[in-house]
C-alpha atoms as a PDB file:
ATOM      1  CA  UNK A   1      26.419 -49.005 -65.611  1.00  0.00           C
ATOM      2  CA  UNK A   2      22.739 -48.650 -66.482  1.00  0.00           C
ATOM      3  CA  UNK A   3      21.683 -48.993 -70.114  1.00  0.00           C
ATOM      4  CA  UNK A   4      18.299 -48.095 -71.588  1.00  0.00           C
ATOM      5  CA  UNK A   5      16.389 -50.055 -74.225  1.00  0.00           C
ATOM      6  CA  UNK A   6      13.422 -48.410 -75.945  1.00  0.00           C
ATOM      7  CA  UNK A   7      10.431 -50.657 -76.636  1.00  0.00           C
ATOM      8  CA  UNK A   8       6.799 -49.960 -77.432  1.00  0.00           C
ATOM      9  CA  UNK A   9       5.358 -48.103 -74.439  1.00  0.00           C
ATOM     10  CA  UNK A  10       8.508 -46.998 -72.656  1.00  0.00           C
ATOM     11  CA  UNK A  11      12.134 -47.666 -71.807  1.00  0.00           C
ATOM     12  CA  UNK A  12      13.707 -50.586 -69.972  1.00  0.00           C
ATOM     13  CA  UNK A  13      16.754 -50.238 -67.739  1.00  0.00           C
ATOM     14  CA  UNK A  14      19.314 -53.011 -67.533  1.00  0.00           C
ATOM     15  CA  UNK A  15      22.951 -53.671 -66.818  1.00  0.00           C
ATOM     16  CA  UNK A  16      25.184 -56.233 -68.440  1.00  0.00           C
ATOM     17  CA  UNK A  17      28.556 -57.631 -67.422  1.00  0.00           C
ATOM     18  CA  UNK A  18      30.879 -60.459 -68.286  1.00  0.00           C
ATOM     19  CA  UNK A  19      31.622 -62.511 -71.364  1.00  0.00           C
ATOM     20  CA  UNK A  20      30.223 -65.840 -72.419  1.00  0.00           C
ATOM     21  CA  UNK A  21      26.785 -67.269 -73.104  1.00  0.00           C
ATOM     22  CA  UNK A  22      23.959 -64.893 -72.207  1.00  0.00           C
ATOM     23  CA  UNK A  23      21.893 -65.189 -69.020  1.00  0.00           C
ATOM     24  CA  UNK A  24      19.055 -62.711 -68.437  1.00  0.00           C
ATOM     25  CA  UNK A  25      17.800 -62.141 -64.882  1.00  0.00           C
ATOM     26  CA  UNK A  26      14.251 -60.855 -64.336  1.00  0.00           C
ATOM     27  CA  UNK A  27      12.858 -59.998 -60.879  1.00  0.00           C
ATOM     28  CA  UNK A  28       9.297 -60.111 -59.542  1.00  0.00           C
ATOM     29  CA  UNK A  29       6.751 -57.400 -58.769  1.00  0.00           C
ATOM     30  CA  UNK A  30       7.597 -54.625 -56.341  1.00  0.00           C
ATOM     31  CA  UNK A  31      11.316 -55.248 -56.787  1.00  0.00           C
ATOM     32  CA  UNK A  32      14.228 -54.270 -59.016  1.00  0.00           C
ATOM     33  CA  UNK A  33      17.260 -55.863 -60.610  1.00  0.00           C
ATOM     34  CA  UNK A  34      19.056 -55.391 -57.279  1.00  0.00           C
ATOM     35  CA  UNK A  35      17.258 -58.566 -56.183  1.00  0.00           C
ATOM     36  CA  UNK A  36      20.025 -60.463 -58.024  1.00  0.00           C
ATOM     37  CA  UNK A  37      22.869 -58.512 -56.418  1.00  0.00           C
ATOM     38  CA  UNK A  38      24.325 -61.645 -54.797  1.00  0.00           C
ATOM     39  CA  UNK A  39      23.793 -63.937 -57.793  1.00  0.00           C
ATOM     40  CA  UNK A  40      24.769 -61.852 -60.832  1.00  0.00           C
ATOM     41  CA  UNK A  41      28.464 -61.249 -59.941  1.00  0.00           C
ATOM     42  CA  UNK A  42      29.023 -64.943 -59.319  1.00  0.00           C
ATOM     43  CA  UNK A  43      27.435 -65.882 -62.638  1.00  0.00           C
ATOM     44  CA  UNK A  44      29.807 -63.418 -64.314  1.00  0.00           C
ATOM     45  CA  UNK A  45      32.724 -65.003 -62.464  1.00  0.00           C
ATOM     46  CA  UNK A  46      31.554 -68.416 -63.683  1.00  0.00           C
ATOM     47  CA  UNK A  47      31.911 -67.315 -67.297  1.00  0.00           C
ATOM     48  CA  UNK A  48      28.555 -65.907 -68.349  1.00  0.00           C
ATOM     49  CA  UNK A  49      27.440 -62.623 -69.858  1.00  0.00           C
ATOM     50  CA  UNK A  50      24.761 -61.535 -67.396  1.00  0.00           C
ATOM     51  CA  UNK A  51      22.039 -58.975 -68.058  1.00  0.00           C
ATOM     52  CA  UNK A  52      19.872 -57.872 -65.127  1.00  0.00           C
ATOM     53  CA  UNK A  53      16.665 -56.116 -66.128  1.00  0.00           C
ATOM     54  CA  UNK A  54      14.356 -53.721 -64.303  1.00  0.00           C
ATOM     55  CA  UNK A  55      10.863 -54.822 -65.313  1.00  0.00           C
ATOM     56  CA  UNK A  56       8.458 -52.273 -66.778  1.00  0.00           C
ATOM     57  CA  UNK A  57       7.285 -49.946 -64.007  1.00  0.00           C
ATOM     58  CA  UNK A  58      10.164 -50.923 -61.719  1.00  0.00           C
ATOM     59  CA  UNK A  59      13.622 -49.660 -60.813  1.00  0.00           C
ATOM     60  CA  UNK A  60      15.091 -47.347 -63.426  1.00  0.00           C
ATOM     61  CA  UNK A  61      12.694 -48.428 -66.173  1.00  0.00           C
ATOM     62  CA  UNK A  62       9.966 -45.975 -67.092  1.00  0.00           C
ATOM     63  CA  UNK A  63       6.972 -45.949 -64.768  1.00  0.00           C
ATOM     64  CA  UNK A  64       3.735 -45.855 -66.755  1.00  0.00           C
ATOM     65  CA  UNK A  65       2.827 -48.697 -69.119  1.00  0.00           C
ATOM     66  CA  UNK A  66      -0.502 -49.762 -70.600  1.00  0.00           C
ATOM     67  CA  UNK A  67       0.047 -53.448 -69.815  1.00  0.00           C
ATOM     68  CA  UNK A  68       1.787 -55.251 -66.938  1.00  0.00           C
ATOM     69  CA  UNK A  69       0.885 -58.810 -67.906  1.00  0.00           C
ATOM     70  CA  UNK A  70       3.306 -61.691 -68.155  1.00  0.00           C
ATOM     71  CA  UNK A  71       2.836 -61.615 -71.919  1.00  0.00           C
ATOM     72  CA  UNK A  72       3.963 -57.972 -72.012  1.00  0.00           C
ATOM     73  CA  UNK A  73       6.998 -58.722 -69.833  1.00  0.00           C
ATOM     74  CA  UNK A  74       7.857 -61.682 -72.078  1.00  0.00           C
ATOM     75  CA  UNK A  75       7.955 -59.289 -75.021  1.00  0.00           C
ATOM     76  CA  UNK A  76      10.373 -57.054 -73.110  1.00  0.00           C
ATOM     77  CA  UNK A  77      12.651 -59.994 -72.349  1.00  0.00           C
ATOM     78  CA  UNK A  78      12.734 -61.093 -75.962  1.00  0.00           C
ATOM     79  CA  UNK A  79      13.473 -57.515 -77.062  1.00  0.00           C
ATOM     80  CA  UNK A  80      16.455 -57.457 -74.720  1.00  0.00           C
ATOM     81  CA  UNK A  81      17.764 -60.817 -75.989  1.00  0.00           C
ATOM     82  CA  UNK A  82      17.457 -59.621 -79.585  1.00  0.00           C
ATOM     83  CA  UNK A  83      19.283 -56.424 -78.654  1.00  0.00           C
ATOM     84  CA  UNK A  84      22.125 -58.198 -76.876  1.00  0.00           C
ATOM     85  CA  UNK A  85      22.341 -61.225 -79.135  1.00  0.00           C
ATOM     86  CA  UNK A  86      21.098 -64.615 -77.968  1.00  0.00           C
ATOM     87  CA  UNK A  87      20.197 -67.275 -77.418  1.00  0.00           C
ATOM     88  CA  UNK A  88      19.910 -66.839 -73.657  1.00  0.00           C
ATOM     89  CA  UNK A  89      18.808 -68.666 -70.567  1.00  0.00           C
ATOM     90  CA  UNK A  90      16.061 -66.599 -68.971  1.00  0.00           C
ATOM     91  CA  UNK A  91      15.813 -66.599 -65.172  1.00  0.00           C
ATOM     92  CA  UNK A  92      12.492 -65.261 -63.915  1.00  0.00           C
ATOM     93  CA  UNK A  93      11.211 -64.808 -60.388  1.00  0.00           C
ATOM     94  CA  UNK A  94       7.527 -64.934 -59.398  1.00  0.00           C
ATOM     95  CA  UNK A  95       5.567 -63.008 -62.057  1.00  0.00           C
ATOM     96  CA  UNK A  96       8.645 -63.083 -64.300  1.00  0.00           C
ATOM     97  CA  UNK A  97       8.694 -66.866 -63.945  1.00  0.00           C
ATOM     98  CA  UNK A  98       5.510 -66.841 -65.976  1.00  0.00           C
ATOM     99  CA  UNK A  99       7.002 -64.326 -68.397  1.00  0.00           C
ATOM    100  CA  UNK A 100      10.062 -66.454 -69.178  1.00  0.00           C
ATOM    101  CA  UNK A 101       7.754 -69.399 -69.867  1.00  0.00           C
ATOM    102  CA  UNK A 102       5.860 -67.369 -72.468  1.00  0.00           C
ATOM    103  CA  UNK A 103       9.074 -66.030 -74.015  1.00  0.00           C
ATOM    104  CA  UNK A 104      10.563 -69.509 -74.393  1.00  0.00           C
ATOM    105  CA  UNK A 105       7.398 -70.880 -75.972  1.00  0.00           C
ATOM    106  CA  UNK A 106       7.055 -67.950 -78.362  1.00  0.00           C
ATOM    107  CA  UNK A 107      10.695 -67.681 -79.478  1.00  0.00           C
ATOM    108  CA  UNK A 108      12.637 -70.922 -78.894  1.00  0.00           C
ATOM    109  CA  UNK A 109      15.308 -69.673 -81.296  1.00  0.00           C
ATOM    110  CA  UNK A 110      16.147 -66.923 -78.792  1.00  0.00           C
ATOM    111  CA  UNK A 111      15.743 -68.905 -75.550  1.00  0.00           C
ATOM    112  CA  UNK A 112      18.006 -71.848 -74.728  1.00  0.00           C
ATOM    113  CA  UNK A 113      16.282 -72.614 -71.427  1.00  0.00           C
ATOM    114  CA  UNK A 114      14.396 -71.121 -68.505  1.00  0.00           C
ATOM    115  CA  UNK A 115      14.755 -71.045 -64.736  1.00  0.00           C
ATOM    116  CA  UNK A 116      11.563 -70.245 -62.858  1.00  0.00           C
ATOM    117  CA  UNK A 117      12.127 -69.124 -59.268  1.00  0.00           C
ATOM    118  CA  UNK A 118       8.945 -69.428 -57.160  1.00  0.00           C
ATOM    119  CA  UNK A 119       6.946 -68.840 -60.343  1.00  0.00           C
ATOM    120  CA  UNK A 120       3.358 -67.801 -60.789  1.00  0.00           C
ATOM    121  CA  UNK A 121       2.849 -69.749 -63.992  1.00  0.00           C
ATOM    122  CA  UNK A 122      -0.630 -71.262 -63.561  1.00  0.00           C
ATOM    123  CA  UNK A 123      -4.130 -70.056 -62.754  1.00  0.00           C
ATOM    124  CA  UNK A 124      -4.415 -70.041 -58.946  1.00  0.00           C
ATOM    125  CA  UNK A 125      -7.171 -71.496 -56.786  1.00  0.00           C
ATOM    126  CA  UNK A 126      -7.525 -71.506 -53.001  1.00  0.00           C
ATOM    127  CA  UNK A 127      -9.209 -74.237 -50.988  1.00  0.00           C
ATOM    128  CA  UNK A 128     -10.323 -74.356 -47.379  1.00  0.00           C
ATOM    129  CA  UNK A 129      -7.513 -76.823 -46.810  1.00  0.00           C
ATOM    130  CA  UNK A 130      -5.004 -74.262 -48.088  1.00  0.00           C
ATOM    131  CA  UNK A 131      -6.338 -71.647 -45.685  1.00  0.00           C
ATOM    132  CA  UNK A 132      -5.566 -73.910 -42.753  1.00  0.00           C
ATOM    133  CA  UNK A 133      -1.849 -73.293 -43.452  1.00  0.00           C
ATOM    134  CA  UNK A 134      -1.092 -70.246 -41.291  1.00  0.00           C
ATOM    135  CA  UNK A 135       1.925 -69.098 -43.309  1.00  0.00           C
ATOM    136  CA  UNK A 136      -0.088 -69.071 -46.522  1.00  0.00           C
ATOM    137  CA  UNK A 137      -3.112 -67.418 -44.898  1.00  0.00           C
ATOM    138  CA  UNK A 138      -0.997 -64.610 -43.436  1.00  0.00           C
ATOM    139  CA  UNK A 139       0.851 -64.073 -46.702  1.00  0.00           C
ATOM    140  CA  UNK A 140      -2.319 -63.796 -48.773  1.00  0.00           C
ATOM    141  CA  UNK A 141      -3.849 -61.405 -46.234  1.00  0.00           C
ATOM    142  CA  UNK A 142      -0.836 -59.106 -46.343  1.00  0.00           C
ATOM    143  CA  UNK A 143      -0.697 -59.149 -50.127  1.00  0.00           C
ATOM    144  CA  UNK A 144      -4.412 -58.372 -50.308  1.00  0.00           C
ATOM    145  CA  UNK A 145      -3.981 -55.394 -47.990  1.00  0.00           C
ATOM    146  CA  UNK A 146      -1.001 -54.170 -49.999  1.00  0.00           C
ATOM    147  CA  UNK A 147      -3.120 -54.242 -53.152  1.00  0.00           C
ATOM    148  CA  UNK A 148      -6.240 -52.737 -51.582  1.00  0.00           C
ATOM    149  CA  UNK A 149      -4.468 -49.901 -49.788  1.00  0.00           C
ATOM    150  CA  UNK A 150      -1.432 -49.334 -51.968  1.00  0.00           C
ATOM    151  CA  UNK A 151       0.530 -49.690 -48.747  1.00  0.00           C
ATOM    152  CA  UNK A 152       4.305 -49.954 -48.485  1.00  0.00           C
ATOM    153  CA  UNK A 153       3.857 -50.919 -44.823  1.00  0.00           C
ATOM    154  CA  UNK A 154       1.732 -53.956 -45.699  1.00  0.00           C
ATOM    155  CA  UNK A 155       4.107 -54.893 -48.526  1.00  0.00           C
ATOM    156  CA  UNK A 156       6.979 -54.954 -46.053  1.00  0.00           C
ATOM    157  CA  UNK A 157       4.895 -57.040 -43.663  1.00  0.00           C
ATOM    158  CA  UNK A 158       4.476 -59.509 -46.504  1.00  0.00           C
ATOM    159  CA  UNK A 159       8.242 -59.435 -47.084  1.00  0.00           C
ATOM    160  CA  UNK A 160       8.736 -60.290 -43.408  1.00  0.00           C
ATOM    161  CA  UNK A 161       7.052 -63.618 -44.185  1.00  0.00           C
ATOM    162  CA  UNK A 162       8.579 -64.064 -47.627  1.00  0.00           C
ATOM    163  CA  UNK A 163      12.117 -63.862 -46.182  1.00  0.00           C
ATOM    164  CA  UNK A 164      12.258 -66.435 -43.339  1.00  0.00           C
ATOM    165  CA  UNK A 165      15.901 -65.398 -42.978  1.00  0.00           C
ATOM    166  CA  UNK A 166      17.254 -62.072 -44.222  1.00  0.00           C
ATOM    167  CA  UNK A 167      20.359 -60.945 -46.091  1.00  0.00           C
ATOM    168  CA  UNK A 168      22.924 -58.931 -44.182  1.00  0.00           C
ATOM    169  CA  UNK A 169      21.807 -55.708 -45.892  1.00  0.00           C
ATOM    170  CA  UNK A 170      18.115 -56.255 -45.045  1.00  0.00           C
ATOM    171  CA  UNK A 171      17.557 -52.829 -43.455  1.00  0.00           C
ATOM    172  CA  UNK A 172      19.148 -51.127 -46.463  1.00  0.00           C
ATOM    173  CA  UNK A 173      17.054 -53.263 -48.815  1.00  0.00           C
ATOM    174  CA  UNK A 174      13.824 -52.234 -47.099  1.00  0.00           C
ATOM    175  CA  UNK A 175      14.757 -48.546 -47.089  1.00  0.00           C
ATOM    176  CA  UNK A 176      15.598 -48.639 -50.774  1.00  0.00           C
ATOM    177  CA  UNK A 177      12.433 -50.546 -51.606  1.00  0.00           C
ATOM    178  CA  UNK A 178      10.256 -48.091 -49.658  1.00  0.00           C
ATOM    179  CA  UNK A 179      11.861 -45.138 -51.425  1.00  0.00           C
ATOM    180  CA  UNK A 180      11.322 -46.823 -54.766  1.00  0.00           C
ATOM    181  CA  UNK A 181       7.658 -47.674 -54.200  1.00  0.00           C
ATOM    182  CA  UNK A 182       6.884 -44.110 -53.149  1.00  0.00           C
ATOM    183  CA  UNK A 183       8.066 -42.775 -56.505  1.00  0.00           C
ATOM    184  CA  UNK A 184       5.283 -41.859 -58.954  1.00  0.00           C
ATOM    185  CA  UNK A 185       3.775 -44.872 -60.687  1.00  0.00           C
ATOM    186  CA  UNK A 186       5.731 -47.563 -58.847  1.00  0.00           C
ATOM    187  CA  UNK A 187       3.056 -48.762 -56.420  1.00  0.00           C
ATOM    188  CA  UNK A 188       0.571 -48.667 -59.284  1.00  0.00           C
ATOM    189  CA  UNK A 189       2.827 -51.035 -61.233  1.00  0.00           C
ATOM    190  CA  UNK A 190       3.027 -53.385 -58.243  1.00  0.00           C
ATOM    191  CA  UNK A 191      -0.753 -53.422 -57.883  1.00  0.00           C
ATOM    192  CA  UNK A 192      -1.316 -53.943 -61.599  1.00  0.00           C
ATOM    193  CA  UNK A 193       1.161 -56.818 -61.667  1.00  0.00           C
ATOM    194  CA  UNK A 194      -0.392 -58.351 -58.575  1.00  0.00           C
ATOM    195  CA  UNK A 195      -3.836 -58.316 -60.155  1.00  0.00           C
ATOM    196  CA  UNK A 196      -2.695 -59.804 -63.469  1.00  0.00           C
ATOM    197  CA  UNK A 197      -3.670 -63.418 -64.107  1.00  0.00           C
ATOM    198  CA  UNK A 198      -0.994 -66.065 -64.700  1.00  0.00           C
ATOM    199  CA  UNK A 199      -3.356 -67.883 -67.064  1.00  0.00           C
ATOM    200  CA  UNK A 200      -1.474 -66.552 -70.102  1.00  0.00           C
ATOM    201  CA  UNK A 201       1.671 -68.287 -68.870  1.00  0.00           C
ATOM    202  CA  UNK A 202      -0.220 -71.473 -68.071  1.00  0.00           C
ATOM    203  CA  UNK A 203      -1.429 -71.651 -71.656  1.00  0.00           C
ATOM    204  CA  UNK A 204       2.196 -71.809 -72.836  1.00  0.00           C
ATOM    205  CA  UNK A 205       3.506 -74.479 -70.468  1.00  0.00           C
ATOM    206  CA  UNK A 206       2.529 -77.289 -72.820  1.00  0.00           C
ATOM    207  CA  UNK A 207       4.276 -75.535 -75.732  1.00  0.00           C
ATOM    208  CA  UNK A 208       7.744 -75.403 -74.201  1.00  0.00           C
ATOM    209  CA  UNK A 209      10.507 -77.054 -76.172  1.00  0.00           C
ATOM    210  CA  UNK A 210      13.441 -75.787 -74.121  1.00  0.00           C
ATOM    211  CA  UNK A 211      14.648 -77.219 -70.785  1.00  0.00           C
ATOM    212  CA  UNK A 212      13.187 -75.687 -67.645  1.00  0.00           C
ATOM    213  CA  UNK A 213      14.198 -75.681 -63.993  1.00  0.00           C
ATOM    214  CA  UNK A 214      11.468 -74.788 -61.491  1.00  0.00           C
ATOM    215  CA  UNK A 215      12.742 -73.824 -58.035  1.00  0.00           C
ATOM    216  CA  UNK A 216      10.549 -73.738 -54.923  1.00  0.00           C
ATOM    217  CA  UNK A 217      11.269 -72.779 -51.324  1.00  0.00           C
ATOM    218  CA  UNK A 218       9.784 -74.882 -48.560  1.00  0.00           C
ATOM    219  CA  UNK A 219       8.744 -71.783 -46.580  1.00  0.00           C
ATOM    220  CA  UNK A 220       7.295 -69.755 -49.447  1.00  0.00           C
ATOM    221  CA  UNK A 221       4.089 -68.125 -48.108  1.00  0.00           C
ATOM    222  CA  UNK A 222       2.604 -67.746 -51.582  1.00  0.00           C
ATOM    223  CA  UNK A 223       1.446 -71.366 -51.649  1.00  0.00           C
ATOM    224  CA  UNK A 224       0.129 -73.725 -49.019  1.00  0.00           C
ATOM    225  CA  UNK A 225       2.365 -76.417 -50.549  1.00  0.00           C
ATOM    226  CA  UNK A 226       5.187 -74.861 -52.583  1.00  0.00           C
ATOM    227  CA  UNK A 227       6.602 -78.205 -53.713  1.00  0.00           C
ATOM    228  CA  UNK A 228       3.221 -79.318 -55.030  1.00  0.00           C
ATOM    229  CA  UNK A 229       2.869 -76.066 -56.986  1.00  0.00           C
ATOM    230  CA  UNK A 230       6.308 -76.515 -58.596  1.00  0.00           C
ATOM    231  CA  UNK A 231       5.483 -80.121 -59.455  1.00  0.00           C
ATOM    232  CA  UNK A 232       2.183 -79.040 -61.024  1.00  0.00           C
ATOM    233  CA  UNK A 233       4.009 -76.493 -63.177  1.00  0.00           C
ATOM    234  CA  UNK A 234       6.399 -79.157 -64.466  1.00  0.00           C
ATOM    235  CA  UNK A 235       3.575 -81.651 -64.953  1.00  0.00           C
ATOM    236  CA  UNK A 236       1.934 -79.207 -67.368  1.00  0.00           C
ATOM    237  CA  UNK A 237       5.079 -79.157 -69.529  1.00  0.00           C
ATOM    238  CA  UNK A 238       5.847 -81.771 -72.186  1.00  0.00           C
ATOM    239  CA  UNK A 239       7.463 -84.892 -70.750  1.00  0.00           C
ATOM    240  CA  UNK A 240      11.158 -84.516 -70.037  1.00  0.00           C
ATOM    241  CA  UNK A 241      11.257 -80.726 -70.418  1.00  0.00           C
ATOM    242  CA  UNK A 242      11.124 -79.625 -66.788  1.00  0.00           C
ATOM    243  CA  UNK A 243      12.666 -80.515 -63.466  1.00  0.00           C
ATOM    244  CA  UNK A 244      11.804 -79.443 -59.914  1.00  0.00           C
ATOM    245  CA  UNK A 245      14.298 -78.360 -57.267  1.00  0.00           C
ATOM    246  CA  UNK A 246      13.339 -77.439 -53.717  1.00  0.00           C
ATOM    247  CA  UNK A 247      15.441 -75.293 -51.370  1.00  0.00           C
ATOM    248  CA  UNK A 248      14.890 -76.107 -47.713  1.00  0.00           C
ATOM    249  CA  UNK A 249      14.161 -73.033 -45.617  1.00  0.00           C
ATOM    250  CA  UNK A 250      13.754 -70.680 -48.567  1.00  0.00           C
ATOM    251  CA  UNK A 251      10.827 -68.308 -48.809  1.00  0.00           C
ATOM    252  CA  UNK A 252       9.606 -66.530 -51.922  1.00  0.00           C
ATOM    253  CA  UNK A 253      13.006 -64.960 -52.735  1.00  0.00           C
ATOM    254  CA  UNK A 254      15.582 -67.784 -52.772  1.00  0.00           C
ATOM    255  CA  UNK A 255      17.996 -65.833 -54.987  1.00  0.00           C
ATOM    256  CA  UNK A 256      18.264 -62.994 -52.446  1.00  0.00           C
ATOM    257  CA  UNK A 257      17.721 -64.953 -49.244  1.00  0.00           C
ATOM    258  CA  UNK A 258      19.862 -68.014 -49.999  1.00  0.00           C
ATOM    259  CA  UNK A 259      22.097 -67.195 -52.991  1.00  0.00           C
ATOM    260  CA  UNK A 260      24.563 -70.031 -52.339  1.00  0.00           C
ATOM    261  CA  UNK A 261      21.822 -72.641 -52.481  1.00  0.00           C
ATOM    262  CA  UNK A 262      20.266 -70.978 -55.511  1.00  0.00           C
ATOM    263  CA  UNK A 263      23.577 -70.870 -57.389  1.00  0.00           C
ATOM    264  CA  UNK A 264      24.169 -74.533 -56.574  1.00  0.00           C
ATOM    265  CA  UNK A 265      21.096 -75.230 -58.707  1.00  0.00           C
ATOM    266  CA  UNK A 266      21.620 -72.572 -61.369  1.00  0.00           C
ATOM    267  CA  UNK A 267      25.214 -73.331 -62.314  1.00  0.00           C
ATOM    268  CA  UNK A 268      24.761 -76.997 -63.313  1.00  0.00           C
ATOM    269  CA  UNK A 269      21.596 -76.126 -65.243  1.00  0.00           C
ATOM    270  CA  UNK A 270      23.363 -73.319 -67.104  1.00  0.00           C
ATOM    271  CA  UNK A 271      26.376 -75.499 -67.859  1.00  0.00           C
ATOM    272  CA  UNK A 272      24.245 -78.203 -69.433  1.00  0.00           C
ATOM    273  CA  UNK A 273      21.832 -75.870 -71.209  1.00  0.00           C
ATOM    274  CA  UNK A 274      24.371 -73.449 -72.660  1.00  0.00           C
ATOM    275  CA  UNK A 275      27.086 -75.977 -73.494  1.00  0.00           C
ATOM    276  CA  UNK A 276      28.534 -75.163 -76.898  1.00  0.00           C
ATOM    277  CA  UNK A 277      27.118 -71.647 -77.085  1.00  0.00           C
ATOM    278  CA  UNK A 278      29.676 -69.139 -78.402  1.00  0.00           C
ATOM    279  CA  UNK A 279      31.300 -66.630 -76.074  1.00  0.00           C
ATOM    280  CA  UNK A 280      30.404 -62.985 -76.634  1.00  0.00           C
END
């Protein structure tokens, strides 16, 4: 069942299921809460209350917003936690990985911990050495063409790289995604998110006080060296706050591509981070 939460600038769509400590799942740009379709039911079965959110401009949330930055998305996440009753562990993918970092730094009373899946959480630079990595070079080219042309075709060519292996419902996923991005305002949201800087999230890394798990996939085309990027994110946090986990063979979407491996990391982190939290 889809619920709607009104915030400044529009409405946010989400669903919630289960009882127990709260876990909020936030997807990346050009996607929807369906990205967690394999993960959310198993978190519910493990004893958590799970809220899956459509980010602003995505899914069933309203389309046109003045701001698509990580800071704006962080505000949406905190509004949802306040509405549902926290504290929560926030799980954020890609752009939302930066957003959960900001939310945790701004409101540690509402956030028990964060999981960053393939996160864009730091200002990015590209070197000639990076461009020698063919997977990275192809991925950046396809993303650039998506942004320049507003092209669903080029976005799906990027997804071909970002999913080294595909879920069983891959064809259905692509059809649904294409239909979604052709709706008014949706490609604009993708392009605005893609052009937003992660520097706002990077400024908050050193302010985290809650535990963080940063997950990278070895075949993620968004970085020449995904492990090194994850390690750099954790290195910018206070000592002892963050930990890195790497999933062999995962691309940019480990939660959809390899849900078993992703859950094997999520469940122990949630158990330790939410221990003692009341059931709701």
